[in-house]
Amino acid sequence: MGACGYGKRTNESSKVYLFKEIMICMYKMLLRSGRIINFFIDFDKASKAWRKNKIYLGEGQFQYK
């Protein structure tokens, strides 16, 4: 598993940064063209956005509003 909880592929590397208890993962990906791109994923922010239009039913179940 990669540092951010996902399987690590050969063309991808990741680092985890903790800023004030917020997990942000930085990924570095090698494209087929040979170009390297860097991108960040803030999982706390992504989780809040995903839950915005859902109702938690318990036991890991959600229902759309």
PDB file of N, CA and C in Angstrom:
ATOM      1  N   MET A   1       0.839  -1.179   0.000  1.00  0.00           N
ATOM      2  CA  MET A   1       0.000   0.000   0.000  1.00  0.00           C
ATOM      3  C   MET A   1       0.882   1.240   0.000  1.00  0.00           C
ATOM      4  N   GLY A   2       0.407   2.279  -0.682  1.00  0.00           N
ATOM      5  CA  GLY A   2       1.124   3.536  -0.721  1.00  0.00           C
ATOM      6  C   GLY A   2       0.954   4.295   0.585  1.00  0.00           C
ATOM      7  N   ALA A   3       1.678   5.356   0.722  1.00  0.00           N
ATOM      8  CA  ALA A   3       1.662   6.138   1.951  1.00  0.00           C
ATOM      9  C   ALA A   3       0.302   6.748   2.237  1.00  0.00           C
ATOM     10  N   CYS A   4      -0.493   6.990   1.217  1.00  0.00           N
ATOM     11  CA  CYS A   4      -1.807   7.606   1.399  1.00  0.00           C
ATOM     12  C   CYS A   4      -2.923   6.573   1.396  1.00  0.00           C
ATOM     13  N   GLY A   5      -2.615   5.315   1.560  1.00  0.00           N
ATOM     14  CA  GLY A   5      -3.650   4.301   1.692  1.00  0.00           C
ATOM     15  C   GLY A   5      -4.058   3.637   0.397  1.00  0.00           C
ATOM     16  N   TYR A   6      -3.424   3.951  -0.695  1.00  0.00           N
ATOM     17  CA  TYR A   6      -3.756   3.341  -1.971  1.00  0.00           C
ATOM     18  C   TYR A   6      -2.583   2.513  -2.457  1.00  0.00           C
ATOM     19  N   GLY A   7      -2.856   1.523  -3.274  1.00  0.00           N
ATOM     20  CA  GLY A   7      -1.792   0.701  -3.832  1.00  0.00           C
ATOM     21  C   GLY A   7      -0.828   1.556  -4.633  1.00  0.00           C
ATOM     22  N   LYS A   8       0.451   1.334  -4.448  1.00  0.00           N
ATOM     23  CA  LYS A   8       1.455   2.145  -5.129  1.00  0.00           C
ATOM     24  C   LYS A   8       1.793   1.521  -6.468  1.00  0.00           C
ATOM     25  N   ARG A   9       1.703   2.298  -7.525  1.00  0.00           N
ATOM     26  CA  ARG A   9       2.037   1.822  -8.862  1.00  0.00           C
ATOM     27  C   ARG A   9       3.473   2.199  -9.181  1.00  0.00           C
ATOM     28  N   THR A  10       4.039   1.571 -10.192  1.00  0.00           N
ATOM     29  CA  THR A  10       5.438   1.831 -10.532  1.00  0.00           C
ATOM     30  C   THR A  10       5.652   3.243 -11.056  1.00  0.00           C
ATOM     31  N   ASN A  11       4.647   3.864 -11.668  1.00  0.00           N
ATOM     32  CA  ASN A  11       4.834   5.207 -12.220  1.00  0.00           C
ATOM     33  C   ASN A  11       4.289   6.295 -11.295  1.00  0.00           C
ATOM     34  N   GLU A  12       4.078   5.977 -10.023  1.00  0.00           N
ATOM     35  CA  GLU A  12       3.477   6.939  -9.116  1.00  0.00           C
ATOM     36  C   GLU A  12       4.180   6.878  -7.765  1.00  0.00           C
ATOM     37  N   SER A  13       4.477   8.017  -7.181  1.00  0.00           N
ATOM     38  CA  SER A  13       5.013   8.050  -5.829  1.00  0.00           C
ATOM     39  C   SER A  13       4.167   9.015  -5.011  1.00  0.00           C
ATOM     40  N   SER A  14       4.161   8.839  -3.708  1.00  0.00           N
ATOM     41  CA  SER A  14       3.339   9.703  -2.872  1.00  0.00           C
ATOM     42  C   SER A  14       4.043  10.007  -1.560  1.00  0.00           C
ATOM     43  N   LYS A  15       3.673  11.125  -0.956  1.00  0.00           N
ATOM     44  CA  LYS A  15       4.162  11.532   0.356  1.00  0.00           C
ATOM     45  C   LYS A  15       2.967  12.038   1.142  1.00  0.00           C
ATOM     46  N   VAL A  16       3.026  11.867   2.446  1.00  0.00           N
ATOM     47  CA  VAL A  16       1.948  12.334   3.312  1.00  0.00           C
ATOM     48  C   VAL A  16       2.467  13.509   4.129  1.00  0.00           C
ATOM     49  N   TYR A  17       1.670  14.568   4.185  1.00  0.00           N
ATOM     50  CA  TYR A  17       1.994  15.734   4.986  1.00  0.00           C
ATOM     51  C   TYR A  17       0.872  15.947   5.991  1.00  0.00           C
ATOM     52  N   LEU A  18       1.215  16.237   7.234  1.00  0.00           N
ATOM     53  CA  LEU A  18       0.211  16.540   8.242  1.00  0.00           C
ATOM     54  C   LEU A  18       0.370  18.003   8.647  1.00  0.00           C
ATOM     55  N   PHE A  19      -0.630  18.810   8.349  1.00  0.00           N
ATOM     56  CA  PHE A  19      -0.663  20.211   8.715  1.00  0.00           C
ATOM     57  C   PHE A  19      -1.836  20.411   9.653  1.00  0.00           C
ATOM     58  N   LYS A  20      -1.560  20.684  10.929  1.00  0.00           N
ATOM     59  CA  LYS A  20      -2.612  20.909  11.913  1.00  0.00           C
ATOM     60  C   LYS A  20      -3.645  19.786  11.873  1.00  0.00           C
ATOM     61  N   GLU A  21      -3.170  18.546  11.864  1.00  0.00           N
ATOM     62  CA  GLU A  21      -3.996  17.337  11.873  1.00  0.00           C
ATOM     63  C   GLU A  21      -4.851  17.168  10.615  1.00  0.00           C
ATOM     64  N   ILE A  22      -4.443  17.757   9.518  1.00  0.00           N
ATOM     65  CA  ILE A  22      -5.122  17.584   8.234  1.00  0.00           C
ATOM     66  C   ILE A  22      -4.208  16.762   7.338  1.00  0.00           C
ATOM     67  N   MET A  23      -4.716  15.656   6.815  1.00  0.00           N
ATOM     68  CA  MET A  23      -3.896  14.816   5.965  1.00  0.00           C
ATOM     69  C   MET A  23      -3.980  15.286   4.520  1.00  0.00           C
ATOM     70  N   ILE A  24      -2.835  15.659   3.977  1.00  0.00           N
ATOM     71  CA  ILE A  24      -2.737  16.067   2.579  1.00  0.00           C
ATOM     72  C   ILE A  24      -1.701  15.159   1.933  1.00  0.00           C
ATOM     73  N   CYS A  25      -2.058  14.537   0.846  1.00  0.00           N
ATOM     74  CA  CYS A  25      -1.133  13.649   0.152  1.00  0.00           C
ATOM     75  C   CYS A  25      -0.638  14.325  -1.116  1.00  0.00           C
ATOM     76  N   MET A  26       0.675  14.260  -1.313  1.00  0.00           N
ATOM     77  CA  MET A  26       1.266  14.791  -2.526  1.00  0.00           C
ATOM     78  C   MET A  26       1.651  13.618  -3.412  1.00  0.00           C
ATOM     79  N   TYR A  27       1.162  13.640  -4.614  1.00  0.00           N
ATOM     80  CA  TYR A  27       1.471  12.585  -5.564  1.00  0.00           C
ATOM     81  C   TYR A  27       2.360  13.121  -6.663  1.00  0.00           C
ATOM     82  N   LYS A  28       3.241  12.289  -7.143  1.00  0.00           N
ATOM     83  CA  LYS A  28       4.084  12.603  -8.293  1.00  0.00           C
ATOM     84  C   LYS A  28       3.835  11.474  -9.287  1.00  0.00           C
ATOM     85  N   MET A  29       3.364  11.814 -10.482  1.00  0.00           N
ATOM     86  CA  MET A  29       3.009  10.795 -11.464  1.00  0.00           C
ATOM     87  C   MET A  29       3.769  11.011 -12.765  1.00  0.00           C
ATOM     88  N   LEU A  30       4.321   9.946 -13.285  1.00  0.00           N
ATOM     89  CA  LEU A  30       5.012   9.974 -14.569  1.00  0.00           C
ATOM     90  C   LEU A  30       4.012   9.613 -15.660  1.00  0.00           C
ATOM     91  N   LEU A  31       3.797  10.529 -16.590  1.00  0.00           N
ATOM     92  CA  LEU A  31       2.872  10.291 -17.694  1.00  0.00           C
ATOM     93  C   LEU A  31       3.562   9.532 -18.820  1.00  0.00           C
ATOM     94  N   ARG A  32       2.773   8.946 -19.705  1.00  0.00           N
ATOM     95  CA  ARG A  32       3.343   8.229 -20.850  1.00  0.00           C
ATOM     96  C   ARG A  32       4.194   9.127 -21.729  1.00  0.00           C
ATOM     97  N   SER A  33       3.865  10.402 -21.763  1.00  0.00           N
ATOM     98  CA  SER A  33       4.615  11.350 -22.579  1.00  0.00           C
ATOM     99  C   SER A  33       6.003  11.635 -21.993  1.00  0.00           C
ATOM    100  N   GLY A  34       6.246  11.168 -20.758  1.00  0.00           N
ATOM    101  CA  GLY A  34       7.513  11.404 -20.101  1.00  0.00           C
ATOM    102  C   GLY A  34       7.472  12.584 -19.146  1.00  0.00           C
ATOM    103  N   ARG A  35       6.382  13.343 -19.203  1.00  0.00           N
ATOM    104  CA  ARG A  35       6.214  14.492 -18.321  1.00  0.00           C
ATOM    105  C   ARG A  35       5.860  14.026 -16.911  1.00  0.00           C
ATOM    106  N   ILE A  36       6.365  14.703 -15.900  1.00  0.00           N
ATOM    107  CA  ILE A  36       6.033  14.392 -14.514  1.00  0.00           C
ATOM    108  C   ILE A  36       5.106  15.479 -13.997  1.00  0.00           C
ATOM    109  N   ILE A  37       3.988  15.063 -13.376  1.00  0.00           N
ATOM    110  CA  ILE A  37       3.076  16.037 -12.793  1.00  0.00           C
ATOM    111  C   ILE A  37       2.998  15.805 -11.289  1.00  0.00           C
ATOM    112  N   ASN A  38       2.822  16.869 -10.541  1.00  0.00           N
ATOM    113  CA  ASN A  38       2.635  16.822  -9.094  1.00  0.00           C
ATOM    114  C   ASN A  38       1.225  17.290  -8.786  1.00  0.00           C
ATOM    115  N   PHE A  39       0.558  16.630  -7.852  1.00  0.00           N
ATOM    116  CA  PHE A  39      -0.754  17.098  -7.424  1.00  0.00           C
ATOM    117  C   PHE A  39      -0.983  16.702  -5.980  1.00  0.00           C
ATOM    118  N   PHE A  40      -1.839  17.460  -5.317  1.00  0.00           N
ATOM    119  CA  PHE A  40      -2.143  17.260  -3.912  1.00  0.00           C
ATOM    120  C   PHE A  40      -3.595  16.847  -3.749  1.00  0.00           C
ATOM    121  N   ILE A  41      -3.856  15.995  -2.771  1.00  0.00           N
ATOM    122  CA  ILE A  41      -5.228  15.622  -2.426  1.00  0.00           C
ATOM    123  C   ILE A  41      -5.406  15.868  -0.931  1.00  0.00           C
ATOM    124  N   ASP A  42      -6.349  16.722  -0.583  1.00  0.00           N
ATOM    125  CA  ASP A  42      -6.708  16.982   0.807  1.00  0.00           C
ATOM    126  C   ASP A  42      -7.898  16.081   1.126  1.00  0.00           C
ATOM    127  N   PHE A  43      -7.648  14.949   1.788  1.00  0.00           N
ATOM    128  CA  PHE A  43      -8.698  13.962   2.013  1.00  0.00           C
ATOM    129  C   PHE A  43      -9.764  14.434   2.981  1.00  0.00           C
ATOM    130  N   ASP A  44      -9.423  15.298   3.932  1.00  0.00           N
ATOM    131  CA  ASP A  44     -10.433  15.840   4.844  1.00  0.00           C
ATOM    132  C   ASP A  44     -11.435  16.704   4.078  1.00  0.00           C
ATOM    133  N   LYS A  45     -10.917  17.562   3.207  1.00  0.00           N
ATOM    134  CA  LYS A  45     -11.778  18.444   2.403  1.00  0.00           C
ATOM    135  C   LYS A  45     -12.617  17.616   1.423  1.00  0.00           C
ATOM    136  N   ALA A  46     -12.007  16.615   0.807  1.00  0.00           N
ATOM    137  CA  ALA A  46     -12.727  15.764  -0.143  1.00  0.00           C
ATOM    138  C   ALA A  46     -13.844  14.988   0.554  1.00  0.00           C
ATOM    139  N   SER A  47     -13.581  14.510   1.761  1.00  0.00           N
ATOM    140  CA  SER A  47     -14.585  13.761   2.515  1.00  0.00           C
ATOM    141  C   SER A  47     -15.777  14.648   2.874  1.00  0.00           C
ATOM    142  N   LYS A  48     -15.497  15.878   3.300  1.00  0.00           N
ATOM    143  CA  LYS A  48     -16.582  16.810   3.644  1.00  0.00           C
ATOM    144  C   LYS A  48     -17.418  17.143   2.418  1.00  0.00           C
ATOM    145  N   ALA A  49     -16.784  17.347   1.273  1.00  0.00           N
ATOM    146  CA  ALA A  49     -17.509  17.649   0.037  1.00  0.00           C
ATOM    147  C   ALA A  49     -18.363  16.453  -0.386  1.00  0.00           C
ATOM    148  N   TRP A  50     -17.834  15.234  -0.221  1.00  0.00           N
ATOM    149  CA  TRP A  50     -18.568  14.029  -0.609  1.00  0.00           C
ATOM    150  C   TRP A  50     -19.799  13.840   0.270  1.00  0.00           C
ATOM    151  N   ARG A  51     -19.681  14.131   1.573  1.00  0.00           N
ATOM    152  CA  ARG A  51     -20.790  13.938   2.511  1.00  0.00           C
ATOM    153  C   ARG A  51     -21.847  15.050   2.433  1.00  0.00           C
ATOM    154  N   LYS A  52     -21.551  16.127   1.727  1.00  0.00           N
ATOM    155  CA  LYS A  52     -22.418  17.303   1.706  1.00  0.00           C
ATOM    156  C   LYS A  52     -23.864  16.991   1.290  1.00  0.00           C
ATOM    157  N   ASN A  53     -24.049  16.115   0.314  1.00  0.00           N
ATOM    158  CA  ASN A  53     -25.399  15.819  -0.174  1.00  0.00           C
ATOM    159  C   ASN A  53     -25.870  14.433   0.252  1.00  0.00           C
ATOM    160  N   LYS A  54     -25.372  13.937   1.401  1.00  0.00           N
ATOM    161  CA  LYS A  54     -25.741  12.610   1.869  1.00  0.00           C
ATOM    162  C   LYS A  54     -26.166  12.640   3.328  1.00  0.00           C
ATOM    163  N   ILE A  55     -26.974  11.683   3.720  1.00  0.00           N
ATOM    164  CA  ILE A  55     -27.415  11.503   5.096  1.00  0.00           C
ATOM    165  C   ILE A  55     -26.795  10.209   5.599  1.00  0.00           C
ATOM    166  N   TYR A  56     -26.109  10.278   6.752  1.00  0.00           N
ATOM    167  CA  TYR A  56     -25.485   9.091   7.322  1.00  0.00           C
ATOM    168  C   TYR A  56     -26.556   8.262   8.019  1.00  0.00           C
ATOM    169  N   LEU A  57     -26.695   6.995   7.645  1.00  0.00           N
ATOM    170  CA  LEU A  57     -27.702   6.094   8.201  1.00  0.00           C
ATOM    171  C   LEU A  57     -27.136   5.191   9.290  1.00  0.00           C
ATOM    172  N   GLY A  58     -25.831   5.209   9.480  1.00  0.00           N
ATOM    173  CA  GLY A  58     -25.187   4.336  10.458  1.00  0.00           C
ATOM    174  C   GLY A  58     -24.588   3.126   9.772  1.00  0.00           C
ATOM    175  N   GLU A  59     -23.658   2.472  10.472  1.00  0.00           N
ATOM    176  CA  GLU A  59     -23.001   1.263   9.975  1.00  0.00           C
ATOM    177  C   GLU A  59     -22.391   1.446   8.589  1.00  0.00           C
ATOM    178  N   GLY A  60     -21.859   2.636   8.311  1.00  0.00           N
ATOM    179  CA  GLY A  60     -21.190   2.891   7.041  1.00  0.00           C
ATOM    180  C   GLY A  60     -22.110   3.078   5.850  1.00  0.00           C
ATOM    181  N   GLN A  61     -23.398   3.286   6.094  1.00  0.00           N
ATOM    182  CA  GLN A  61     -24.370   3.441   5.012  1.00  0.00           C
ATOM    183  C   GLN A  61     -24.779   4.901   4.877  1.00  0.00           C
ATOM    184  N   PHE A  62     -24.975   5.332   3.629  1.00  0.00           N
ATOM    185  CA  PHE A  62     -25.379   6.699   3.338  1.00  0.00           C
ATOM    186  C   PHE A  62     -26.556   6.683   2.377  1.00  0.00           C
ATOM    187  N   GLN A  63     -27.339   7.753   2.429  1.00  0.00           N
ATOM    188  CA  GLN A  63     -28.456   7.929   1.500  1.00  0.00           C
ATOM    189  C   GLN A  63     -28.367   9.354   0.956  1.00  0.00           C
ATOM    190  N   TYR A  64     -28.620   9.491  -0.349  1.00  0.00           N
ATOM    191  CA  TYR A  64     -28.612  10.826  -0.950  1.00  0.00           C
ATOM    192  C   TYR A  64     -29.778  11.634  -0.424  1.00  0.00           C
ATOM    193  N   LYS A  65     -29.578  12.958  -0.237  1.00  0.00           N
ATOM    194  CA  LYS A  65     -30.646  13.862   0.225  1.00  0.00           C
ATOM    195  C   LYS A  65     -31.646  14.078  -0.886  1.00  0.00           C
TER     196      LYS A  65
END
